[in-house]
Amino acid sequence: MQKLMALFGGLTGRRAIFATFLTGALMALGHAPWGLWPLTLVGFVVLAMLLEAADTPRTALWRGWGAGGGYFAVSLSWIVEPFFVDIARHGWMAPFAIFLMAGGLAIFWAVSFWGARKLAGQKRAALALCVTLPLAELLRAYVFTGFPWAMPAYIWVDLAPMQLVSLIGPHGLNVLTVLMTAGVWGASGISRNAAFVLGVAVWGVAPVVSGYLTWDAVPVSDERPLIRLLQPNAPQHLKWDPEWVSVFYDRNLAFTADPGAQGRPDLIVWPETSVPVRLSEEEYGMQLLRDAANGVPVLFGIGHARDEGFYNSIVHMNAEGGLDQSYDKRHLVPFGEYVPFGDVMAQFGIYGLAANQRYGFTAGAEAKLFDLGPLGQALPLICYEAVFPQDVNAAPDGADWILQITNDAWFGQISGPWQHLVQAQFRAVEQGKPLVRVANTGVTAMIDPYGTITAQLPFATEGFLDAYLPEARSETLYRSTGDRPVFLFLLFFGCVLIFLRQLRAKHG
């Protein structure tokens, strides 16, 4: 321990900030598609050392900003991809996007490092980080419309600890992740016995509990509803090209009409904005869809004008071909689907990347469920909405399964689509519901309520997938409580840190 502290404690100034930046960048490799989660755990220990070596809160702040900058620069590297779809028009924004996104989100980590050093002093700063960093991640999920992408908890995808989010949610798993790394390290600097007890608690109990949560997993039954998931594989730069629009639409029509190896499905699902015609029962293109479905209900994504707004929607076509239910996307992507202060930004030629009317899409009014008869109640989500655990948790009660349609062609092919898929897996576990994910270019998949992918289409290929809908679990604890217990836990121990700091100051 002393040799390691001597190594990192000897770094000062820009060298220390660079070390935290490099550590954060390596930690990000714990996320999909790389999945090198041990690097994230080791990285937290290294950051704890660099934090404890910070001689002032200001020094700690800069080291936290460096760590967050490296972490978000790598984990959010896909953010430049949308700007390359129309490179002549938007390409110049790409460097600014990654710099502003990584540097901006790093402020949350900077403040958490500053707070840990300020509240607990140098010797106990690593322990305090177990409160301040998860609290910063919680705030990141809510403030300025929120952006909880690449939370530390997501490194646990497909591993036993992921199941804990059904009890404590992703922010609770953030707390455990920091506790089992920076927390154990910080405790070891105070007392070996404390480090042993904390290590046994988080490294011993957590895997046992998470393993118990998967004990009653049930295999998918062929007696369950059969759902067809379509993936036309339309690259974003061709998706709205007049010469290609009919090609992609014809693909989806052919997939819809296919008799299938397992017989006709009970429901067919198209991806986000995959119907390129006006929403009208008299429209010729809609009649083509009605004919292809041939009596099978269809859920499809479409953009359409209504009530002086332009909406990104999911529409249900029933077995008789009528359009009887719809849902408008509520949580829009800033600068993608709408531009904050659009009147001002338009003067500089800045419009939403996905917008095709003035300043972008209009947000829908409310969350709702689709009543699909024998298939039960489905909670619809469009693309980005699956990123927010608090929004999914606040949806109306009674859902039997979750539907996410998305167009991940915006995110490139390296990391964005895979990280988006991971978040969908977590939403399934948190809610204890199966999740049907239909993506334009992939990843199209059926996910069971334990976050396991039971069926999947290859990425960046055209085709369709017929998959049985898994059965839901009983209501999870997280569904009942949300993020309130974790917030109160962090708030309580934050107050304890303040009290202990004042006590130490009083007694010298």
Protein backbone atom coordinates (compact mmCIF):
# COMPACT_ATOMS: atom_id res chain seq x y z
CA MET A 1 0.00 0.00 0.00
CA GLN A 2 2.77 2.42 0.92
CA LYS A 3 4.60 1.79 -2.38
CA LEU A 4 1.42 2.45 -4.37
CA MET A 5 0.68 5.61 -2.42
CA ALA A 6 4.25 6.75 -2.98
CA LEU A 7 3.83 6.15 -6.71
CA PHE A 8 0.58 8.08 -7.09
CA GLY A 9 1.15 10.50 -4.25
CA GLY A 10 4.28 11.76 -5.96
CA LEU A 11 2.29 12.98 -8.97
CA THR A 12 1.46 16.66 -8.90
CA GLY A 13 0.00 19.33 -11.15
CA ARG A 14 -0.69 18.41 -14.76
CA ARG A 15 0.90 15.00 -14.37
CA ALA A 16 -1.66 14.05 -11.73
CA ILE A 17 -4.53 15.35 -13.87
CA PHE A 18 -3.23 13.39 -16.86
CA ALA A 19 -2.97 10.28 -14.67
CA THR A 20 -6.61 10.66 -13.64
CA PHE A 21 -7.64 11.27 -17.25
CA LEU A 22 -5.85 8.11 -18.38
CA THR A 23 -7.32 6.14 -15.48
CA GLY A 24 -10.82 7.34 -16.34
CA ALA A 25 -10.32 6.45 -20.00
CA LEU A 26 -9.25 2.90 -19.09
CA MET A 27 -12.18 2.58 -16.68
CA ALA A 28 -14.58 3.31 -19.54
CA LEU A 29 -13.44 0.09 -21.23
CA GLY A 30 -15.52 -1.74 -18.64
CA HIS A 31 -18.59 -0.76 -20.65
CA ALA A 32 -19.95 -2.42 -23.77
CA PRO A 33 -18.75 -3.42 -26.27
CA TRP A 34 -15.41 -4.01 -24.57
CA GLY A 35 -16.70 -5.43 -21.28
CA LEU A 36 -13.35 -5.14 -19.47
CA TRP A 37 -15.06 -4.53 -16.12
CA PRO A 38 -11.99 -5.34 -13.94
CA LEU A 39 -10.38 -2.20 -15.38
CA THR A 40 -13.22 -0.13 -13.96
CA LEU A 41 -12.84 -1.66 -10.51
CA VAL A 42 -9.06 -1.23 -10.47
CA GLY A 43 -9.52 2.29 -11.81
CA PHE A 44 -11.67 3.29 -8.85
CA VAL A 45 -8.91 2.13 -6.50
CA VAL A 46 -6.35 4.19 -8.41
CA LEU A 47 -8.63 7.23 -8.30
CA ALA A 48 -9.00 6.73 -4.54
CA MET A 49 -5.21 6.87 -4.20
CA LEU A 50 -4.95 10.01 -6.34
CA LEU A 51 -7.77 11.61 -4.36
CA GLU A 52 -6.12 10.90 -1.02
CA ALA A 53 -2.88 12.31 -2.38
CA ALA A 54 -4.59 15.62 -3.21
CA ASP A 55 -3.35 18.21 -0.72
CA THR A 56 -6.31 20.60 -1.14
CA PRO A 57 -9.98 20.37 -2.19
CA ARG A 58 -9.12 22.41 -5.28
CA THR A 59 -6.50 19.88 -6.30
CA ALA A 60 -9.04 17.12 -5.76
CA LEU A 61 -11.55 18.98 -7.96
CA TRP A 62 -9.14 19.09 -10.92
CA ARG A 63 -8.26 15.45 -10.48
CA GLY A 64 -11.94 14.54 -10.46
CA TRP A 65 -12.48 16.58 -13.61
CA GLY A 66 -9.59 14.78 -15.29
CA ALA A 67 -10.98 11.37 -14.29
CA GLY A 68 -14.47 12.22 -15.54
CA GLY A 69 -13.08 13.72 -18.73
CA GLY A 70 -11.24 10.52 -19.64
CA TYR A 71 -14.14 8.30 -18.60
CA PHE A 72 -16.77 10.15 -20.62
CA ALA A 73 -14.52 10.85 -23.61
CA VAL A 74 -14.16 7.11 -24.18
CA SER A 75 -17.55 5.84 -23.04
CA LEU A 76 -19.38 8.53 -25.04
CA SER A 77 -17.09 8.51 -28.08
CA TRP A 78 -20.10 7.49 -30.18
CA ILE A 79 -21.53 10.98 -29.67
CA VAL A 80 -19.61 12.19 -32.75
CA GLU A 81 -21.38 9.70 -35.06
CA PRO A 82 -24.60 11.72 -35.63
CA PHE A 83 -22.53 14.66 -36.87
CA PHE A 84 -21.00 12.49 -39.61
CA VAL A 85 -24.36 11.52 -41.12
CA ASP A 86 -24.45 14.87 -42.94
CA ILE A 87 -20.77 15.70 -42.61
CA ALA A 88 -20.88 18.74 -44.88
CA ARG A 89 -23.49 20.39 -42.71
CA HIS A 90 -22.74 19.11 -39.21
CA GLY A 91 -19.24 17.60 -39.29
CA TRP A 92 -17.62 20.72 -37.87
CA MET A 93 -19.61 20.25 -34.65
CA ALA A 94 -18.20 16.78 -33.85
CA PRO A 95 -15.05 17.86 -31.96
CA PHE A 96 -17.04 20.42 -29.98
CA ALA A 97 -19.67 17.80 -29.16
CA ILE A 98 -17.27 15.29 -27.63
CA PHE A 99 -15.29 18.00 -25.82
CA LEU A 100 -18.36 19.71 -24.39
CA MET A 101 -20.10 16.45 -23.52
CA ALA A 102 -17.10 14.83 -21.82
CA GLY A 103 -15.92 18.05 -20.19
CA GLY A 104 -19.42 19.00 -19.07
CA LEU A 105 -20.30 15.65 -17.53
CA ALA A 106 -16.85 15.53 -15.91
CA ILE A 107 -17.96 18.48 -13.78
CA PHE A 108 -20.18 16.10 -11.82
CA TRP A 109 -17.15 13.97 -10.96
CA ALA A 110 -15.05 17.07 -10.23
CA VAL A 111 -17.57 18.31 -7.69
CA SER A 112 -17.79 14.84 -6.11
CA PHE A 113 -13.99 14.70 -5.67
CA TRP A 114 -13.98 18.23 -4.25
CA GLY A 115 -16.84 17.36 -1.91
CA ALA A 116 -15.16 14.17 -0.69
CA ARG A 117 -11.92 15.99 0.08
CA LYS A 118 -13.72 18.97 1.64
CA LEU A 119 -16.07 16.96 3.83
CA ALA A 120 -13.78 14.18 5.06
CA GLY A 121 -10.27 15.57 4.84
CA GLN A 122 -7.35 13.95 3.09
CA LYS A 123 -7.17 10.71 5.06
CA ARG A 124 -10.85 9.77 4.70
CA ALA A 125 -11.54 11.25 1.26
CA ALA A 126 -11.77 7.85 -0.46
CA LEU A 127 -14.49 6.73 1.95
CA ALA A 128 -16.37 9.98 1.39
CA LEU A 129 -16.17 9.39 -2.35
CA CYS A 130 -18.54 6.42 -1.80
CA VAL A 131 -21.18 9.02 -0.99
CA THR A 132 -20.30 11.96 -3.20
CA LEU A 133 -19.67 10.12 -6.48
CA PRO A 134 -22.93 8.07 -6.47
CA LEU A 135 -24.74 11.27 -5.48
CA ALA A 136 -23.15 13.05 -8.45
CA GLU A 137 -24.27 10.20 -10.72
CA LEU A 138 -27.79 10.48 -9.31
CA LEU A 139 -27.84 14.19 -10.05
CA ARG A 140 -26.49 13.54 -13.54
CA ALA A 141 -29.56 11.40 -14.20
CA TYR A 142 -31.96 14.22 -13.31
CA VAL A 143 -30.61 17.73 -13.84
CA PHE A 144 -30.86 19.52 -17.21
CA THR A 145 -33.29 16.79 -18.43
CA GLY A 146 -30.73 14.18 -17.30
CA PHE A 147 -28.23 11.98 -19.10
CA PRO A 148 -27.41 8.83 -17.09
CA TRP A 149 -25.58 7.07 -19.94
CA ALA A 150 -22.50 5.00 -18.97
CA MET A 151 -23.21 4.81 -15.25
CA PRO A 152 -20.61 2.67 -13.41
CA ALA A 153 -23.36 0.13 -12.60
CA TYR A 154 -23.59 -0.84 -16.28
CA ILE A 155 -20.27 -2.68 -16.21
CA TRP A 156 -22.16 -5.49 -14.45
CA VAL A 157 -24.32 -6.38 -17.46
CA ASP A 158 -24.77 -10.17 -17.81
CA LEU A 159 -23.03 -10.66 -14.44
CA ALA A 160 -24.68 -11.61 -11.15
CA PRO A 161 -24.59 -8.11 -9.52
CA MET A 162 -26.87 -6.81 -12.30
CA GLN A 163 -29.77 -8.60 -10.59
CA LEU A 164 -29.44 -6.30 -7.58
CA VAL A 165 -31.03 -3.44 -9.54
CA SER A 166 -34.40 -5.15 -9.05
CA LEU A 167 -33.95 -4.23 -5.36
CA ILE A 168 -31.86 -1.08 -5.23
CA GLY A 169 -31.91 0.24 -8.80
CA PRO A 170 -28.89 1.28 -10.86
CA HIS A 171 -27.94 4.09 -8.48
CA GLY A 172 -27.85 1.65 -5.59
CA LEU A 173 -25.53 -0.53 -7.66
CA ASN A 174 -23.38 2.56 -8.30
CA VAL A 175 -23.00 2.88 -4.52
CA LEU A 176 -21.96 -0.78 -4.16
CA THR A 177 -19.51 -0.51 -7.06
CA VAL A 178 -17.68 2.42 -5.47
CA LEU A 179 -17.87 0.83 -2.01
CA MET A 180 -16.24 -2.41 -3.13
CA THR A 181 -13.31 -0.51 -4.67
CA ALA A 182 -12.58 3.01 -3.43
CA GLY A 183 -14.43 2.29 -0.18
CA VAL A 184 -12.41 -0.79 0.71
CA TRP A 185 -9.21 1.04 -0.19
CA GLY A 186 -10.17 4.03 1.95
CA ALA A 187 -11.07 1.77 4.89
CA SER A 188 -7.72 -0.01 4.62
CA GLY A 189 -5.93 3.28 5.19
CA ILE A 190 -7.75 3.70 8.51
CA SER A 191 -8.13 0.16 9.82
CA ARG A 192 -7.40 -3.25 8.36
CA ASN A 193 -10.32 -4.65 10.33
CA ALA A 194 -12.68 -2.06 8.84
CA ALA A 195 -11.42 -2.88 5.35
CA PHE A 196 -11.96 -6.60 5.99
CA VAL A 197 -15.52 -6.10 7.24
CA LEU A 198 -16.43 -3.78 4.36
CA GLY A 199 -14.82 -6.12 1.84
CA VAL A 200 -16.74 -9.15 3.14
CA ALA A 201 -19.97 -7.14 3.11
CA VAL A 202 -19.82 -5.98 -0.49
CA TRP A 203 -17.75 -8.74 -2.11
CA GLY A 204 -19.37 -11.60 -0.20
CA VAL A 205 -22.98 -10.67 0.45
CA ALA A 206 -23.76 -8.92 -2.83
CA PRO A 207 -22.97 -11.92 -5.10
CA VAL A 208 -24.96 -14.25 -2.84
CA VAL A 209 -28.03 -11.99 -2.89
CA SER A 210 -27.79 -11.38 -6.64
CA GLY A 211 -27.45 -15.11 -7.27
CA TYR A 212 -30.55 -15.77 -5.20
CA LEU A 213 -32.52 -13.28 -7.30
CA THR A 214 -32.03 -15.40 -10.42
CA TRP A 215 -32.88 -18.69 -8.71
CA ASP A 216 -36.43 -18.84 -10.05
CA ALA A 217 -35.65 -17.94 -13.68
CA VAL A 218 -38.12 -19.62 -16.06
CA PRO A 219 -37.24 -20.66 -19.64
CA VAL A 220 -39.22 -19.14 -22.51
CA SER A 221 -42.25 -21.24 -23.46
CA ASP A 222 -43.59 -21.75 -26.97
CA GLU A 223 -47.05 -21.32 -25.44
CA ARG A 224 -46.33 -17.62 -24.95
CA PRO A 225 -47.23 -14.96 -27.59
CA LEU A 226 -45.04 -14.95 -30.69
CA ILE A 227 -43.80 -11.48 -31.68
CA ARG A 228 -42.08 -10.57 -34.95
CA LEU A 229 -39.33 -7.95 -34.72
CA LEU A 230 -38.31 -6.20 -37.96
CA GLN A 231 -34.84 -4.87 -38.77
CA PRO A 232 -34.61 -3.28 -42.26
CA ASN A 233 -31.01 -2.10 -41.72
CA ALA A 234 -31.35 1.40 -43.14
CA PRO A 235 -28.14 3.46 -42.68
CA GLN A 236 -28.99 6.92 -41.44
CA HIS A 237 -27.50 8.73 -44.43
CA LEU A 238 -29.80 6.72 -46.73
CA LYS A 239 -32.87 6.42 -44.54
CA TRP A 240 -34.63 9.47 -46.02
CA ASP A 241 -32.94 9.45 -49.42
CA PRO A 242 -35.81 9.51 -51.98
CA GLU A 243 -34.16 6.70 -53.94
CA TRP A 244 -33.93 4.47 -50.87
CA VAL A 245 -37.08 5.23 -48.88
CA SER A 246 -39.20 2.78 -50.88
CA VAL A 247 -36.45 0.13 -50.68
CA PHE A 248 -36.50 0.08 -46.88
CA TYR A 249 -40.28 0.28 -46.75
CA ASP A 250 -40.58 -2.64 -49.15
CA ARG A 251 -38.21 -4.66 -46.96
CA ASN A 252 -40.42 -4.13 -43.94
CA LEU A 253 -43.53 -4.97 -45.95
CA ALA A 254 -41.92 -8.21 -47.13
CA PHE A 255 -40.87 -9.10 -43.58
CA THR A 256 -44.40 -8.36 -42.39
CA ALA A 257 -46.02 -10.59 -45.02
CA ASP A 258 -43.58 -13.50 -44.59
CA PRO A 259 -45.42 -16.65 -43.37
CA GLY A 260 -42.54 -17.46 -40.99
CA ALA A 261 -41.06 -20.78 -39.96
CA GLN A 262 -43.17 -20.85 -36.80
CA GLY A 263 -46.35 -19.64 -38.46
CA ARG A 264 -47.85 -16.17 -38.41
CA PRO A 265 -46.98 -14.18 -35.26
CA ASP A 266 -49.41 -12.67 -32.76
CA LEU A 267 -47.90 -9.20 -33.20
CA ILE A 268 -45.50 -7.47 -35.61
CA VAL A 269 -43.28 -4.56 -34.50
CA TRP A 270 -41.56 -2.06 -36.81
CA PRO A 271 -38.66 0.19 -35.66
CA GLU A 272 -38.69 3.91 -34.89
CA THR A 273 -39.88 6.22 -37.72
CA SER A 274 -39.87 3.30 -40.13
CA VAL A 275 -43.14 4.21 -41.89
CA PRO A 276 -42.26 7.02 -44.34
CA VAL A 277 -45.84 8.09 -45.22
CA ARG A 278 -48.47 10.33 -43.67
CA LEU A 279 -50.59 8.85 -40.91
CA SER A 280 -53.90 8.54 -42.75
CA GLU A 281 -56.19 5.57 -43.18
CA GLU A 282 -56.71 6.59 -46.81
CA GLU A 283 -52.99 6.82 -47.56
CA TYR A 284 -51.82 4.32 -50.17
CA GLY A 285 -48.71 3.45 -48.16
CA MET A 286 -50.80 2.61 -45.12
CA GLN A 287 -52.96 0.35 -47.22
CA LEU A 288 -49.81 -1.53 -48.29
CA LEU A 289 -49.01 -2.09 -44.62
CA ARG A 290 -52.55 -3.22 -43.91
CA ASP A 291 -52.40 -5.73 -46.78
CA ALA A 292 -48.99 -7.08 -45.72
CA ALA A 293 -50.13 -7.57 -42.11
CA ASN A 294 -53.14 -9.59 -43.31
CA GLY A 295 -55.00 -9.52 -40.02
CA VAL A 296 -51.99 -9.50 -37.66
CA PRO A 297 -51.78 -6.44 -35.33
CA VAL A 298 -48.83 -4.15 -35.99
CA LEU A 299 -47.01 -1.59 -33.86
CA PHE A 300 -45.00 0.82 -36.00
CA GLY A 301 -42.88 3.95 -35.57
CA ILE A 302 -43.81 7.05 -37.53
CA GLY A 303 -43.25 10.80 -37.47
CA HIS A 304 -46.30 12.90 -38.19
CA ALA A 305 -47.78 16.37 -37.87
CA ARG A 306 -50.71 16.92 -35.54
CA ASP A 307 -52.10 19.76 -33.47
CA GLU A 308 -49.54 22.23 -34.80
CA GLY A 309 -46.70 19.97 -33.69
CA PHE A 310 -44.52 17.25 -35.17
CA TYR A 311 -44.35 14.05 -33.13
CA ASN A 312 -42.19 10.94 -32.97
CA SER A 313 -44.79 8.24 -32.37
CA ILE A 314 -45.71 4.58 -32.04
CA VAL A 315 -49.07 3.64 -33.57
CA HIS A 316 -51.08 0.44 -33.17
CA MET A 317 -52.84 -1.07 -36.17
CA ASN A 318 -55.36 -3.66 -34.98
CA ALA A 319 -56.32 -6.93 -36.63
CA GLU A 320 -59.00 -5.15 -38.68
CA GLY A 321 -56.50 -2.63 -40.00
CA GLY A 322 -57.75 0.28 -37.89
CA LEU A 323 -55.44 2.71 -36.11
CA ASP A 324 -56.78 2.70 -32.57
CA GLN A 325 -53.89 3.59 -30.19
CA SER A 326 -50.82 5.81 -30.36
CA TYR A 327 -48.05 7.12 -28.14
CA ASP A 328 -45.93 10.26 -28.69
CA LYS A 329 -42.36 10.34 -27.44
CA ARG A 330 -42.08 12.46 -24.31
CA HIS A 331 -38.37 12.61 -23.46
CA LEU A 332 -36.75 14.14 -26.55
CA VAL A 333 -33.01 14.33 -27.30
CA PRO A 334 -31.63 17.86 -26.83
CA PHE A 335 -30.03 19.15 -30.06
CA GLY A 336 -31.06 15.88 -31.73
CA GLU A 337 -34.84 16.04 -31.76
CA TYR A 338 -35.26 19.58 -30.53
CA VAL A 339 -33.09 22.62 -29.92
CA PRO A 340 -33.32 24.46 -26.61
CA PHE A 341 -33.89 28.17 -27.26
CA GLY A 342 -34.65 27.25 -30.87
CA ASP A 343 -35.38 30.82 -32.01
CA VAL A 344 -31.94 31.97 -30.90
CA MET A 345 -30.07 28.90 -32.16
CA ALA A 346 -31.75 29.13 -35.57
CA GLN A 347 -30.08 32.49 -36.13
CA PHE A 348 -26.77 30.63 -36.10
CA GLY A 349 -28.06 27.86 -38.39
CA ILE A 350 -28.30 25.28 -35.59
CA TYR A 351 -31.24 22.88 -35.81
CA GLY A 352 -31.94 19.45 -34.35
CA LEU A 353 -30.06 16.70 -36.18
CA ALA A 354 -33.13 14.48 -36.47
CA ALA A 355 -35.59 17.30 -36.95
CA ASN A 356 -37.27 17.92 -40.27
CA GLN A 357 -39.64 20.70 -39.25
CA ARG A 358 -38.34 24.01 -37.85
CA TYR A 359 -36.77 23.37 -34.44
CA GLY A 360 -37.60 19.69 -34.08
CA PHE A 361 -40.16 17.37 -32.60
CA THR A 362 -42.85 18.22 -30.07
CA ALA A 363 -42.83 16.29 -26.78
CA GLY A 364 -45.78 14.02 -26.09
CA ALA A 365 -48.19 14.80 -23.27
CA GLU A 366 -48.09 11.68 -21.08
CA ALA A 367 -46.86 8.15 -20.57
CA LYS A 368 -49.40 5.45 -21.40
CA LEU A 369 -49.87 1.73 -21.91
CA PHE A 370 -51.03 -0.08 -25.04
CA ASP A 371 -53.88 -2.50 -24.43
CA LEU A 372 -53.04 -5.42 -26.75
CA GLY A 373 -55.73 -7.83 -25.65
CA PRO A 374 -54.32 -11.38 -25.34
CA LEU A 375 -50.77 -9.95 -25.37
CA GLY A 376 -51.49 -7.89 -22.27
CA GLN A 377 -50.48 -4.30 -21.50
CA ALA A 378 -47.30 -2.95 -23.10
CA LEU A 379 -45.32 0.11 -21.97
CA PRO A 380 -44.05 1.89 -25.12
CA LEU A 381 -40.66 3.62 -25.17
CA ILE A 382 -39.02 5.33 -28.12
CA CYS A 383 -35.23 5.21 -28.39
CA TYR A 384 -33.67 7.54 -25.80
CA GLU A 385 -36.52 7.04 -23.33
CA ALA A 386 -35.12 3.66 -22.28
CA VAL A 387 -32.02 5.44 -20.93
CA PHE A 388 -33.91 6.87 -17.93
CA PRO A 389 -34.72 4.39 -15.15
CA GLN A 390 -36.73 7.02 -13.27
CA ASP A 391 -39.01 7.66 -16.26
CA VAL A 392 -39.68 3.97 -16.82
CA ASN A 393 -40.32 3.54 -13.11
CA ALA A 394 -42.82 6.42 -13.12
CA ALA A 395 -44.88 4.92 -15.95
CA PRO A 396 -48.46 3.78 -15.26
CA ASP A 397 -48.91 0.55 -13.33
CA GLY A 398 -50.14 -2.60 -14.99
CA ALA A 399 -47.59 -3.19 -17.76
CA ASP A 400 -46.97 -6.84 -18.63
CA TRP A 401 -43.99 -6.08 -20.85
CA ILE A 402 -41.92 -3.20 -22.20
CA LEU A 403 -41.54 -2.21 -25.85
CA GLN A 404 -38.63 -0.14 -27.10
CA ILE A 405 -38.43 0.90 -30.74
CA THR A 406 -35.31 2.76 -31.75
CA ASN A 407 -33.14 3.96 -34.61
CA ASP A 408 -29.60 3.30 -33.43
CA ALA A 409 -28.23 4.05 -36.91
CA TRP A 410 -27.46 7.47 -35.43
CA PHE A 411 -25.00 5.91 -32.98
CA GLY A 412 -22.55 4.30 -35.42
CA GLN A 413 -21.42 0.68 -35.15
CA ILE A 414 -18.73 0.63 -32.47
CA SER A 415 -20.11 1.34 -29.01
CA GLY A 416 -23.33 3.37 -29.02
CA PRO A 417 -25.80 0.64 -30.08
CA TRP A 418 -24.30 -1.88 -27.65
CA GLN A 419 -24.39 0.51 -24.70
CA HIS A 420 -27.98 1.39 -25.56
CA LEU A 421 -28.81 -2.33 -25.51
CA VAL A 422 -27.22 -2.72 -22.06
CA GLN A 423 -29.47 -0.01 -20.66
CA ALA A 424 -32.51 -1.81 -22.06
CA GLN A 425 -31.36 -4.99 -20.29
CA PHE A 426 -31.14 -3.07 -17.02
CA ARG A 427 -34.64 -1.61 -17.47
CA ALA A 428 -35.98 -5.16 -17.85
CA VAL A 429 -34.35 -6.29 -14.59
CA GLU A 430 -35.39 -3.16 -12.68
CA GLN A 431 -39.03 -3.61 -13.67
CA GLY A 432 -39.11 -7.42 -13.68
CA LYS A 433 -40.66 -7.28 -17.16
CA PRO A 434 -39.59 -8.74 -20.50
CA LEU A 435 -38.48 -6.11 -22.98
CA VAL A 436 -39.00 -6.23 -26.74
CA ARG A 437 -36.34 -4.16 -28.51
CA VAL A 438 -36.73 -3.37 -32.20
CA ALA A 439 -33.92 -1.35 -33.78
CA ASN A 440 -33.59 -0.11 -37.33
CA THR A 441 -30.01 -1.39 -37.78
CA GLY A 442 -29.76 -3.35 -34.53
CA VAL A 443 -29.45 -4.42 -31.84
CA THR A 444 -32.89 -6.04 -32.22
CA ALA A 445 -33.52 -8.47 -29.38
CA MET A 446 -35.94 -10.18 -27.01
CA ILE A 447 -34.91 -9.66 -23.38
CA ASP A 448 -36.31 -11.59 -20.43
CA PRO A 449 -37.06 -10.02 -17.01
CA TYR A 450 -33.62 -11.06 -15.75
CA GLY A 451 -31.89 -9.06 -18.48
CA THR A 452 -30.93 -12.13 -20.52
CA ILE A 453 -31.15 -11.85 -24.29
CA THR A 454 -33.23 -14.86 -25.37
CA ALA A 455 -33.17 -14.07 -29.11
CA GLN A 456 -31.25 -11.55 -31.20
CA LEU A 457 -30.69 -10.47 -34.80
CA PRO A 458 -27.12 -9.89 -36.02
CA PHE A 459 -26.16 -6.23 -35.98
CA ALA A 460 -26.25 -4.24 -39.25
CA THR A 461 -28.14 -6.92 -41.16
CA GLU A 462 -31.62 -6.91 -42.66
CA GLY A 463 -34.15 -9.48 -41.53
CA PHE A 464 -36.81 -10.30 -38.98
CA LEU A 465 -36.90 -12.25 -35.75
CA ASP A 466 -39.83 -14.31 -34.48
CA ALA A 467 -39.43 -14.69 -30.72
CA TYR A 468 -41.66 -15.80 -27.87
CA LEU A 469 -42.43 -13.20 -25.22
CA PRO A 470 -41.05 -14.29 -21.81
CA GLU A 471 -43.29 -14.17 -18.77
CA ALA A 472 -42.97 -11.27 -16.34
CA ARG A 473 -41.80 -11.60 -12.74
CA SER A 474 -43.68 -10.29 -9.73
CA GLU A 475 -43.32 -6.57 -9.02
CA THR A 476 -39.79 -5.63 -7.99
CA LEU A 477 -38.83 -3.61 -4.95
CA TYR A 478 -37.25 -0.95 -7.15
CA ARG A 479 -40.53 -0.57 -9.02
CA SER A 480 -42.20 0.22 -5.69
CA THR A 481 -39.59 2.55 -4.25
CA GLY A 482 -37.63 4.07 -7.13
CA ASP A 483 -34.52 6.10 -6.33
CA ARG A 484 -35.82 7.59 -3.06
CA PRO A 485 -34.15 5.08 -0.68
CA VAL A 486 -30.75 5.51 -2.34
CA PHE A 487 -31.06 9.28 -2.32
CA LEU A 488 -32.03 9.30 1.36
CA PHE A 489 -29.18 6.88 2.16
CA LEU A 490 -26.65 9.15 0.44
CA LEU A 491 -28.16 12.25 2.03
CA PHE A 492 -27.99 10.69 5.49
CA PHE A 493 -24.34 9.66 5.19
CA GLY A 494 -23.52 12.99 3.61
CA CYS A 495 -24.89 14.64 6.77
CA VAL A 496 -22.82 12.20 8.85
CA LEU A 497 -19.69 13.33 6.98
CA ILE A 498 -20.51 16.96 7.70
CA PHE A 499 -21.13 16.17 11.38
CA LEU A 500 -17.84 14.26 11.70
CA ARG A 501 -15.97 17.07 9.97
CA GLN A 502 -17.37 19.62 12.43
CA LEU A 503 -16.57 17.28 15.33
CA ARG A 504 -12.95 16.89 14.19
CA ALA A 505 -12.64 20.66 13.77
CA LYS A 506 -14.05 21.22 17.27
CA HIS A 507 -11.65 18.80 18.93
CA GLY A 508 -8.68 19.68 16.80
